[in-house]
PDB file of N, CA and C in Angstrom:
ATOM      1  N   ARG A   1       8.236 -17.950  -9.802  1.00  0.00           N
ATOM      2  CA  ARG A   1       7.407 -16.867 -10.296  1.00  0.00           C
ATOM      3  C   ARG A   1       7.636 -15.597  -9.470  1.00  0.00           C
ATOM      4  N   ASP A   2       7.666 -15.743  -8.149  1.00  0.00           N
ATOM      5  CA  ASP A   2       7.890 -14.582  -7.290  1.00  0.00           C
ATOM      6  C   ASP A   2       9.267 -13.968  -7.526  1.00  0.00           C
ATOM      7  N   ARG A   3      10.271 -14.803  -7.737  1.00  0.00           N
ATOM      8  CA  ARG A   3      11.616 -14.283  -7.989  1.00  0.00           C
ATOM      9  C   ARG A   3      11.671 -13.503  -9.295  1.00  0.00           C
ATOM     10  N   ARG A   4      10.993 -14.009 -10.308  1.00  0.00           N
ATOM     11  CA  ARG A   4      10.955 -13.275 -11.582  1.00  0.00           C
ATOM     12  C   ARG A   4      10.251 -11.945 -11.415  1.00  0.00           C
ATOM     13  N   MET A   5       9.152 -11.946 -10.669  1.00  0.00           N
ATOM     14  CA  MET A   5       8.400 -10.714 -10.435  1.00  0.00           C
ATOM     15  C   MET A   5       9.258  -9.704  -9.683  1.00  0.00           C
ATOM     16  N   LEU A   6       9.963 -10.159  -8.663  1.00  0.00           N
ATOM     17  CA  LEU A   6      10.820  -9.268  -7.891  1.00  0.00           C
ATOM     18  C   LEU A   6      11.953  -8.702  -8.743  1.00  0.00           C
ATOM     19  N   SER A   7      12.554  -9.533  -9.584  1.00  0.00           N
ATOM     20  CA  SER A   7      13.677  -9.048 -10.384  1.00  0.00           C
ATOM     21  C   SER A   7      13.233  -8.078 -11.474  1.00  0.00           C
ATOM     22  N   ALA A   8      12.037  -8.250 -11.983  1.00  0.00           N
ATOM     23  CA  ALA A   8      11.563  -7.387 -13.064  1.00  0.00           C
ATOM     24  C   ALA A   8      10.895  -6.115 -12.561  1.00  0.00           C
ATOM     25  N   ASP A   9      10.061  -6.233 -11.520  1.00  0.00           N
ATOM     26  CA  ASP A   9       9.226  -5.104 -11.115  1.00  0.00           C
ATOM     27  C   ASP A   9       9.445  -4.628  -9.686  1.00  0.00           C
ATOM     28  N   GLY A  10      10.154  -5.375  -8.861  1.00  0.00           N
ATOM     29  CA  GLY A  10      10.445  -4.934  -7.504  1.00  0.00           C
ATOM     30  C   GLY A  10       9.358  -5.288  -6.512  1.00  0.00           C
ATOM     31  N   ILE A  11       9.417  -4.617  -5.351  1.00  0.00           N
ATOM     32  CA  ILE A  11       8.493  -4.890  -4.264  1.00  0.00           C
ATOM     33  C   ILE A  11       8.139  -3.594  -3.535  1.00  0.00           C
ATOM     34  N   PHE A  12       6.889  -3.473  -3.138  1.00  0.00           N
ATOM     35  CA  PHE A  12       6.416  -2.395  -2.281  1.00  0.00           C
ATOM     36  C   PHE A  12       5.937  -3.017  -0.984  1.00  0.00           C
ATOM     37  N   ILE A  13       6.382  -2.464   0.130  1.00  0.00           N
ATOM     38  CA  ILE A  13       5.874  -2.874   1.438  1.00  0.00           C
ATOM     39  C   ILE A  13       5.175  -1.651   2.024  1.00  0.00           C
ATOM     40  N   VAL A  14       3.904  -1.826   2.378  1.00  0.00           N
ATOM     41  CA  VAL A  14       3.103  -0.739   2.920  1.00  0.00           C
ATOM     42  C   VAL A  14       2.744  -1.093   4.356  1.00  0.00           C
ATOM     43  N   VAL A  15       3.202  -0.278   5.305  1.00  0.00           N
ATOM     44  CA  VAL A  15       2.905  -0.509   6.718  1.00  0.00           C
ATOM     45  C   VAL A  15       1.922   0.561   7.163  1.00  0.00           C
ATOM     46  N   ALA A  16       0.714   0.107   7.534  1.00  0.00           N
ATOM     47  CA  ALA A  16      -0.341   1.022   7.966  1.00  0.00           C
ATOM     48  C   ALA A  16      -0.674   0.729   9.423  1.00  0.00           C
ATOM     49  N   THR A  17      -0.700   1.764  10.247  1.00  0.00           N
ATOM     50  CA  THR A  17      -1.065   1.633  11.655  1.00  0.00           C
ATOM     51  C   THR A  17      -2.434   2.261  11.841  1.00  0.00           C
ATOM     52  N   ILE A  18      -3.393   1.451  12.295  1.00  0.00           N
ATOM     53  CA  ILE A  18      -4.765   1.932  12.411  1.00  0.00           C
ATOM     54  C   ILE A  18      -5.256   1.799  13.849  1.00  0.00           C
ATOM     55  N   SER A  19      -6.290   2.558  14.149  1.00  0.00           N
ATOM     56  CA  SER A  19      -6.916   2.517  15.458  1.00  0.00           C
ATOM     57  C   SER A  19      -7.828   1.297  15.563  1.00  0.00           C
ATOM     58  N   GLU A  20      -7.763   0.620  16.696  1.00  0.00           N
ATOM     59  CA  GLU A  20      -8.605  -0.552  16.909  1.00  0.00           C
ATOM     60  C   GLU A  20     -10.085  -0.155  17.045  1.00  0.00           C
ATOM     61  N   GLN A  21     -10.347   1.047  17.569  1.00  0.00           N
ATOM     62  CA  GLN A  21     -11.721   1.478  17.800  1.00  0.00           C
ATOM     63  C   GLN A  21     -12.478   1.832  16.518  1.00  0.00           C
ATOM     64  N   ASP A  22     -11.885   2.695  15.695  1.00  0.00           N
ATOM     65  CA  ASP A  22     -12.629   3.169  14.522  1.00  0.00           C
ATOM     66  C   ASP A  22     -12.001   2.791  13.185  1.00  0.00           C
ATOM     67  N   GLY A  23     -10.827   2.158  13.184  1.00  0.00           N
ATOM     68  CA  GLY A  23     -10.206   1.714  11.947  1.00  0.00           C
ATOM     69  C   GLY A  23      -9.511   2.805  11.163  1.00  0.00           C
ATOM     70  N   ARG A  24      -9.407   3.992  11.728  1.00  0.00           N
ATOM     71  CA  ARG A  24      -8.749   5.097  11.018  1.00  0.00           C
ATOM     72  C   ARG A  24      -7.238   5.047  11.225  1.00  0.00           C
ATOM     73  N   SER A  25      -6.524   5.629  10.289  1.00  0.00           N
ATOM     74  CA  SER A  25      -5.073   5.659  10.340  1.00  0.00           C
ATOM     75  C   SER A  25      -4.613   6.513  11.517  1.00  0.00           C
ATOM     76  N   VAL A  26      -3.643   6.004  12.283  1.00  0.00           N
ATOM     77  CA  VAL A  26      -3.132   6.704  13.455  1.00  0.00           C
ATOM     78  C   VAL A  26      -1.914   7.554  13.086  1.00  0.00           C
ATOM     79  N   VAL A  27      -1.047   6.999  12.282  1.00  0.00           N
ATOM     80  CA  VAL A  27       0.139   7.711  11.796  1.00  0.00           C
ATOM     81  C   VAL A  27       0.187   7.553  10.279  1.00  0.00           C
ATOM     82  N   PRO A  28       0.906   8.428   9.598  1.00  0.00           N
ATOM     83  CA  PRO A  28       1.010   8.266   8.143  1.00  0.00           C
ATOM     84  C   PRO A  28       1.603   6.903   7.789  1.00  0.00           C
ATOM     85  N   PRO A  29       1.101   6.273   6.729  1.00  0.00           N
ATOM     86  CA  PRO A  29       1.619   4.960   6.350  1.00  0.00           C
ATOM     87  C   PRO A  29       3.081   5.040   5.920  1.00  0.00           C
ATOM     88  N   GLU A  30       3.802   3.975   6.191  1.00  0.00           N
ATOM     89  CA  GLU A  30       5.201   3.898   5.788  1.00  0.00           C
ATOM     90  C   GLU A  30       5.280   3.108   4.490  1.00  0.00           C
ATOM     91  N   ILE A  31       5.973   3.646   3.504  1.00  0.00           N
ATOM     92  CA  ILE A  31       6.130   3.008   2.202  1.00  0.00           C
ATOM     93  C   ILE A  31       7.604   2.635   2.024  1.00  0.00           C
ATOM     94  N   ILE A  32       7.849   1.366   1.799  1.00  0.00           N
ATOM     95  CA  ILE A  32       9.204   0.881   1.554  1.00  0.00           C
ATOM     96  C   ILE A  32       9.198   0.208   0.186  1.00  0.00           C
ATOM     97  N   PHE A  33      10.146   0.551  -0.663  1.00  0.00           N
ATOM     98  CA  PHE A  33      10.208  -0.106  -1.965  1.00  0.00           C
ATOM     99  C   PHE A  33      11.647  -0.447  -2.307  1.00  0.00           C
ATOM    100  N   ARG A  34      11.791  -1.573  -2.986  1.00  0.00           N
ATOM    101  CA  ARG A  34      13.106  -2.036  -3.403  1.00  0.00           C
ATOM    102  C   ARG A  34      13.007  -2.596  -4.817  1.00  0.00           C
ATOM    103  N   GLY A  35      13.992  -2.269  -5.627  1.00  0.00           N
ATOM    104  CA  GLY A  35      14.075  -2.831  -6.967  1.00  0.00           C
ATOM    105  C   GLY A  35      12.998  -2.382  -7.928  1.00  0.00           C
ATOM    106  N   VAL A  36      12.333  -1.263  -7.618  1.00  0.00           N
ATOM    107  CA  VAL A  36      11.270  -0.763  -8.489  1.00  0.00           C
ATOM    108  C   VAL A  36      11.881   0.215  -9.483  1.00  0.00           C
ATOM    109  N   PRO A  37      11.864  -0.125 -10.776  1.00  0.00           N
ATOM    110  CA  PRO A  37      12.440   0.798 -11.761  1.00  0.00           C
ATOM    111  C   PRO A  37      11.560   2.036 -11.935  1.00  0.00           C
ATOM    112  N   PHE A  38      12.170   3.126 -12.284  1.00  0.00           N
ATOM    113  CA  PHE A  38      11.481   4.380 -12.597  1.00  0.00           C
ATOM    114  C   PHE A  38      10.871   5.066 -11.388  1.00  0.00           C
ATOM    115  N   VAL A  39      11.239   4.680 -10.179  1.00  0.00           N
ATOM    116  CA  VAL A  39      10.720   5.355  -8.987  1.00  0.00           C
ATOM    117  C   VAL A  39      11.881   6.013  -8.270  1.00  0.00           C
ATOM    118  N   ASP A  40      11.697   7.301  -7.992  1.00  0.00           N
ATOM    119  CA  ASP A  40      12.703   8.076  -7.275  1.00  0.00           C
ATOM    120  C   ASP A  40      11.979   8.816  -6.154  1.00  0.00           C
ATOM    121  N   ASP A  41      12.615   8.946  -5.003  1.00  0.00           N
ATOM    122  CA  ASP A  41      11.987   9.635  -3.877  1.00  0.00           C
ATOM    123  C   ASP A  41      11.639  11.084  -4.213  1.00  0.00           C
ATOM    124  N   SER A  42      12.379  11.702  -5.105  1.00  0.00           N
ATOM    125  CA  SER A  42      12.207  13.127  -5.361  1.00  0.00           C
ATOM    126  C   SER A  42      11.078  13.446  -6.343  1.00  0.00           C
ATOM    127  N   ASP A  43      10.505  12.459  -7.032  1.00  0.00           N
ATOM    128  CA  ASP A  43       9.505  12.776  -8.047  1.00  0.00           C
ATOM    129  C   ASP A  43       8.073  12.862  -7.520  1.00  0.00           C
ATOM    130  N   GLY A  44       7.863  12.663  -6.228  1.00  0.00           N
ATOM    131  CA  GLY A  44       6.534  12.807  -5.652  1.00  0.00           C
ATOM    132  C   GLY A  44       5.672  11.560  -5.734  1.00  0.00           C
ATOM    133  N   PHE A  45       6.165  10.514  -6.345  1.00  0.00           N
ATOM    134  CA  PHE A  45       5.378   9.292  -6.483  1.00  0.00           C
ATOM    135  C   PHE A  45       5.043   8.689  -5.122  1.00  0.00           C
ATOM    136  N   VAL A  46       6.022   8.676  -4.221  1.00  0.00           N
ATOM    137  CA  VAL A  46       5.809   8.076  -2.899  1.00  0.00           C
ATOM    138  C   VAL A  46       4.748   8.850  -2.122  1.00  0.00           C
ATOM    139  N   ASP A  47       4.748  10.185  -2.238  1.00  0.00           N
ATOM    140  CA  ASP A  47       3.720  10.982  -1.563  1.00  0.00           C
ATOM    141  C   ASP A  47       2.334  10.685  -2.130  1.00  0.00           C
ATOM    142  N   GLU A  48       2.253  10.547  -3.450  1.00  0.00           N
ATOM    143  CA  GLU A  48       0.969  10.205  -4.064  1.00  0.00           C
ATOM    144  C   GLU A  48       0.513   8.819  -3.637  1.00  0.00           C
ATOM    145  N   LEU A  49       1.442   7.891  -3.555  1.00  0.00           N
ATOM    146  CA  LEU A  49       1.111   6.539  -3.108  1.00  0.00           C
ATOM    147  C   LEU A  49       0.641   6.564  -1.659  1.00  0.00           C
ATOM    148  N   ARG A  50       1.283   7.371  -0.823  1.00  0.00           N
ATOM    149  CA  ARG A  50       0.872   7.499   0.579  1.00  0.00           C
ATOM    150  C   ARG A  50      -0.559   8.036   0.663  1.00  0.00           C
ATOM    151  N   ARG A  51      -0.894   9.009  -0.186  1.00  0.00           N
ATOM    152  CA  ARG A  51      -2.272   9.535  -0.208  1.00  0.00           C
ATOM    153  C   ARG A  51      -3.263   8.469  -0.668  1.00  0.00           C
ATOM    154  N   ALA A  52      -2.863   7.647  -1.637  1.00  0.00           N
ATOM    155  CA  ALA A  52      -3.734   6.560  -2.102  1.00  0.00           C
ATOM    156  C   ALA A  52      -3.970   5.540  -0.993  1.00  0.00           C
ATOM    157  N   VAL A  53      -2.936   5.254  -0.219  1.00  0.00           N
ATOM    158  CA  VAL A  53      -3.073   4.335   0.915  1.00  0.00           C
ATOM    159  C   VAL A  53      -4.009   4.936   1.956  1.00  0.00           C
ATOM    160  N   ASP A  54      -3.835   6.231   2.265  1.00  0.00           N
ATOM    161  CA  ASP A  54      -4.737   6.907   3.211  1.00  0.00           C
ATOM    162  C   ASP A  54      -6.181   6.832   2.731  1.00  0.00           C
ATOM    163  N   HIS A  55      -6.378   7.083   1.448  1.00  0.00           N
ATOM    164  CA  HIS A  55      -7.731   7.035   0.878  1.00  0.00           C
ATOM    165  C   HIS A  55      -8.330   5.634   1.020  1.00  0.00           C
ATOM    166  N   SER A  56      -7.537   4.614   0.762  1.00  0.00           N
ATOM    167  CA  SER A  56      -7.996   3.232   0.894  1.00  0.00           C
ATOM    168  C   SER A  56      -8.376   2.924   2.339  1.00  0.00           C
ATOM    169  N   LEU A  57      -7.564   3.388   3.296  1.00  0.00           N
ATOM    170  CA  LEU A  57      -7.846   3.135   4.709  1.00  0.00           C
ATOM    171  C   LEU A  57      -9.106   3.875   5.173  1.00  0.00           C
ATOM    172  N   VAL A  58      -9.287   5.101   4.698  1.00  0.00           N
ATOM    173  CA  VAL A  58     -10.492   5.860   5.051  1.00  0.00           C
ATOM    174  C   VAL A  58     -11.728   5.162   4.510  1.00  0.00           C
ATOM    175  N   ARG A  59     -11.655   4.710   3.261  1.00  0.00           N
ATOM    176  CA  ARG A  59     -12.796   4.006   2.669  1.00  0.00           C
ATOM    177  C   ARG A  59     -13.123   2.720   3.438  1.00  0.00           C
ATOM    178  N   SER A  60     -12.101   1.987   3.819  1.00  0.00           N
ATOM    179  CA  SER A  60     -12.318   0.757   4.592  1.00  0.00           C
ATOM    180  C   SER A  60     -12.913   1.067   5.957  1.00  0.00           C
ATOM    181  N   ALA A  61     -12.469   2.163   6.588  1.00  0.00           N
ATOM    182  CA  ALA A  61     -13.018   2.552   7.892  1.00  0.00           C
ATOM    183  C   ALA A  61     -14.484   2.947   7.756  1.00  0.00           C
ATOM    184  N   GLU A  62     -14.816   3.665   6.670  1.00  0.00           N
ATOM    185  CA  GLU A  62     -16.214   4.057   6.453  1.00  0.00           C
ATOM    186  C   GLU A  62     -17.106   2.852   6.195  1.00  0.00           C
ATOM    187  N   GLU A  63     -16.537   1.813   5.560  1.00  0.00           N
ATOM    188  CA  GLU A  63     -17.294   0.592   5.306  1.00  0.00           C
ATOM    189  C   GLU A  63     -17.264  -0.348   6.509  1.00  0.00           C
ATOM    190  N   GLU A  64     -16.636   0.116   7.601  1.00  0.00           N
ATOM    191  CA  GLU A  64     -16.531  -0.625   8.861  1.00  0.00           C
ATOM    192  C   GLU A  64     -15.886  -1.999   8.684  1.00  0.00           C
ATOM    193  N   ILE A  65     -14.831  -2.033   7.896  1.00  0.00           N
ATOM    194  CA  ILE A  65     -14.049  -3.259   7.713  1.00  0.00           C
ATOM    195  C   ILE A  65     -13.010  -3.288   8.826  1.00  0.00           C
ATOM    196  N   ARG A  66     -13.100  -4.291   9.703  1.00  0.00           N
ATOM    197  CA  ARG A  66     -12.204  -4.363  10.852  1.00  0.00           C
ATOM    198  C   ARG A  66     -11.276  -5.578  10.815  1.00  0.00           C
ATOM    199  N   GLU A  67     -11.606  -6.569  10.014  1.00  0.00           N
ATOM    200  CA  GLU A  67     -10.788  -7.773   9.949  1.00  0.00           C
ATOM    201  C   GLU A  67      -9.481  -7.466   9.223  1.00  0.00           C
ATOM    202  N   ILE A  68      -8.362  -7.819   9.854  1.00  0.00           N
ATOM    203  CA  ILE A  68      -7.036  -7.481   9.329  1.00  0.00           C
ATOM    204  C   ILE A  68      -6.808  -8.077   7.944  1.00  0.00           C
ATOM    205  N   ASP A  69      -7.183  -9.335   7.756  1.00  0.00           N
ATOM    206  CA  ASP A  69      -6.973  -9.977   6.453  1.00  0.00           C
ATOM    207  C   ASP A  69      -7.728  -9.253   5.344  1.00  0.00           C
ATOM    208  N   LEU A  70      -8.942  -8.856   5.630  1.00  0.00           N
ATOM    209  CA  LEU A  70      -9.747  -8.147   4.638  1.00  0.00           C
ATOM    210  C   LEU A  70      -9.182  -6.749   4.373  1.00  0.00           C
ATOM    211  N   LEU A  71      -8.730  -6.080   5.427  1.00  0.00           N
ATOM    212  CA  LEU A  71      -8.092  -4.768   5.261  1.00  0.00           C
ATOM    213  C   LEU A  71      -6.842  -4.877   4.388  1.00  0.00           C
ATOM    214  N   GLN A  72      -6.028  -5.894   4.647  1.00  0.00           N
ATOM    215  CA  GLN A  72      -4.818  -6.075   3.859  1.00  0.00           C
ATOM    216  C   GLN A  72      -5.152  -6.387   2.408  1.00  0.00           C
ATOM    217  N   SER A  73      -6.204  -7.140   2.187  1.00  0.00           N
ATOM    218  CA  SER A  73      -6.621  -7.462   0.822  1.00  0.00           C
ATOM    219  C   SER A  73      -7.061  -6.206   0.075  1.00  0.00           C
ATOM    220  N   HIS A  74      -7.876  -5.379   0.730  1.00  0.00           N
ATOM    221  CA  HIS A  74      -8.324  -4.126   0.103  1.00  0.00           C
ATOM    222  C   HIS A  74      -7.138  -3.213  -0.177  1.00  0.00           C
ATOM    223  N   LEU A  75      -6.242  -3.120   0.800  1.00  0.00           N
ATOM    224  CA  LEU A  75      -5.066  -2.265   0.643  1.00  0.00           C
ATOM    225  C   LEU A  75      -4.185  -2.764  -0.500  1.00  0.00           C
ATOM    226  N   HIS A  76      -3.995  -4.059  -0.591  1.00  0.00           N
ATOM    227  CA  HIS A  76      -3.208  -4.645  -1.678  1.00  0.00           C
ATOM    228  C   HIS A  76      -3.810  -4.289  -3.029  1.00  0.00           C
ATOM    229  N   ASP A  77      -5.119  -4.494  -3.168  1.00  0.00           N
ATOM    230  CA  ASP A  77      -5.777  -4.234  -4.445  1.00  0.00           C
ATOM    231  C   ASP A  77      -5.698  -2.764  -4.834  1.00  0.00           C
ATOM    232  N   ASP A  78      -5.911  -1.870  -3.864  1.00  0.00           N
ATOM    233  CA  ASP A  78      -5.870  -0.433  -4.161  1.00  0.00           C
ATOM    234  C   ASP A  78      -4.459   0.028  -4.534  1.00  0.00           C
ATOM    235  N   VAL A  79      -3.456  -0.465  -3.817  1.00  0.00           N
ATOM    236  CA  VAL A  79      -2.076  -0.085  -4.123  1.00  0.00           C
ATOM    237  C   VAL A  79      -1.660  -0.658  -5.480  1.00  0.00           C
ATOM    238  N   ALA A  80      -2.023  -1.905  -5.740  1.00  0.00           N
ATOM    239  CA  ALA A  80      -1.678  -2.521  -7.021  1.00  0.00           C
ATOM    240  C   ALA A  80      -2.289  -1.747  -8.183  1.00  0.00           C
ATOM    241  N   GLU A  81      -3.539  -1.330  -8.029  1.00  0.00           N
ATOM    242  CA  GLU A  81      -4.200  -0.562  -9.083  1.00  0.00           C
ATOM    243  C   GLU A  81      -3.502   0.781  -9.300  1.00  0.00           C
ATOM    244  N   PHE A  82      -3.182   1.476  -8.204  1.00  0.00           N
ATOM    245  CA  PHE A  82      -2.515   2.769  -8.302  1.00  0.00           C
ATOM    246  C   PHE A  82      -1.150   2.642  -8.987  1.00  0.00           C
ATOM    247  N   VAL A  83      -0.354   1.661  -8.559  1.00  0.00           N
ATOM    248  CA  VAL A  83       0.986   1.482  -9.112  1.00  0.00           C
ATOM    249  C   VAL A  83       0.902   1.109 -10.593  1.00  0.00           C
ATOM    250  N   TYR A  84      -0.038   0.259 -10.951  1.00  0.00           N
ATOM    251  CA  TYR A  84      -0.153  -0.120 -12.357  1.00  0.00           C
ATOM    252  C   TYR A  84      -0.563   1.069 -13.222  1.00  0.00           C
ATOM    253  N   GLU A  85      -1.490   1.884 -12.720  1.00  0.00           N
ATOM    254  CA  GLU A  85      -1.921   3.064 -13.490  1.00  0.00           C
ATOM    255  C   GLU A  85      -0.768   4.038 -13.700  1.00  0.00           C
ATOM    256  N   ARG A  86       0.083   4.201 -12.693  1.00  0.00           N
ATOM    257  CA  ARG A  86       1.183   5.160 -12.796  1.00  0.00           C
ATOM    258  C   ARG A  86       2.409   4.615 -13.512  1.00  0.00           C
ATOM    259  N   LEU A  87       2.794   3.363 -13.216  1.00  0.00           N
ATOM    260  CA  LEU A  87       4.060   2.837 -13.725  1.00  0.00           C
ATOM    261  C   LEU A  87       3.918   1.780 -14.814  1.00  0.00           C
ATOM    262  N   ARG A  88       2.705   1.257 -14.990  1.00  0.00           N
ATOM    263  CA  ARG A  88       2.468   0.150 -15.927  1.00  0.00           C
ATOM    264  C   ARG A  88       3.346  -1.053 -15.579  1.00  0.00           C
ATOM    265  N   ARG A  89       3.496  -1.287 -14.300  1.00  0.00           N
ATOM    266  CA  ARG A  89       4.249  -2.426 -13.783  1.00  0.00           C
ATOM    267  C   ARG A  89       3.432  -3.094 -12.691  1.00  0.00           C
ATOM    268  N   ARG A  90       3.750  -4.352 -12.431  1.00  0.00           N
ATOM    269  CA  ARG A  90       3.054  -5.098 -11.390  1.00  0.00           C
ATOM    270  C   ARG A  90       4.060  -5.641 -10.366  1.00  0.00           C
ATOM    271  N   PRO A  91       4.541  -4.762  -9.477  1.00  0.00           N
ATOM    272  CA  PRO A  91       5.472  -5.250  -8.461  1.00  0.00           C
ATOM    273  C   PRO A  91       4.744  -6.063  -7.397  1.00  0.00           C
ATOM    274  N   MET A  92       5.510  -6.821  -6.635  1.00  0.00           N
ATOM    275  CA  MET A  92       4.920  -7.539  -5.507  1.00  0.00           C
ATOM    276  C   MET A  92       4.550  -6.497  -4.452  1.00  0.00           C
ATOM    277  N   ILE A  93       3.373  -6.646  -3.882  1.00  0.00           N
ATOM    278  CA  ILE A  93       2.898  -5.687  -2.883  1.00  0.00           C
ATOM    279  C   ILE A  93       2.590  -6.441  -1.602  1.00  0.00           C
ATOM    280  N   LEU A  94       3.234  -6.029  -0.521  1.00  0.00           N
ATOM    281  CA  LEU A  94       3.011  -6.657   0.773  1.00  0.00           C
ATOM    282  C   LEU A  94       2.442  -5.623   1.741  1.00  0.00           C
ATOM    283  N   PRO A  95       1.135  -5.640   1.967  1.00  0.00           N
ATOM    284  CA  PRO A  95       0.547  -4.725   2.938  1.00  0.00           C
ATOM    285  C   PRO A  95       0.655  -5.316   4.346  1.00  0.00           C
ATOM    286  N   VAL A  96       1.017  -4.469   5.301  1.00  0.00           N
ATOM    287  CA  VAL A  96       1.079  -4.871   6.699  1.00  0.00           C
ATOM    288  C   VAL A  96       0.210  -3.885   7.475  1.00  0.00           C
ATOM    289  N   VAL A  97      -0.827  -4.416   8.130  1.00  0.00           N
ATOM    290  CA  VAL A  97      -1.734  -3.565   8.909  1.00  0.00           C
ATOM    291  C   VAL A  97      -1.538  -3.897  10.378  1.00  0.00           C
ATOM    292  N   VAL A  98      -1.262  -2.849  11.177  1.00  0.00           N
ATOM    293  CA  VAL A  98      -1.031  -3.006  12.612  1.00  0.00           C
ATOM    294  C   VAL A  98      -2.122  -2.235  13.342  1.00  0.00           C
ATOM    295  N   GLU A  99      -2.800  -2.906  14.261  1.00  0.00           N
ATOM    296  CA  GLU A  99      -3.825  -2.252  15.074  1.00  0.00           C
ATOM    297  C   GLU A  99      -3.226  -1.789  16.392  1.00  0.00           C
ATOM    298  N   VAL A 100      -3.574  -0.581  16.801  1.00  0.00           N
ATOM    299  CA  VAL A 100      -3.151  -0.072  18.120  1.00  0.00           C
ATOM    300  C   VAL A 100      -4.349   0.427  18.874  1.00  0.00           C
TER     301      VAL A 100
END
């Protein structure tokens, strides 16, 4: 199932670095994508996705969500919703949250 999903819709890897004290983003999130049809670096989609990730992290920080697994779950759901609304595709999404 995962192989079919990857071949049809690709994969997004979102790396977010957050502060251990307040849960806010320390550096802009890194977005890596492979095999995603209809996505080009020049069309602004990646910048919009980065803003959506920032928004998700800010909301989680305001809700005082500190557990990494829960943060990754929220980030996954928010990114999946954003990508589906824009591309009408369901790529595999792997959120990675790093605390510093």
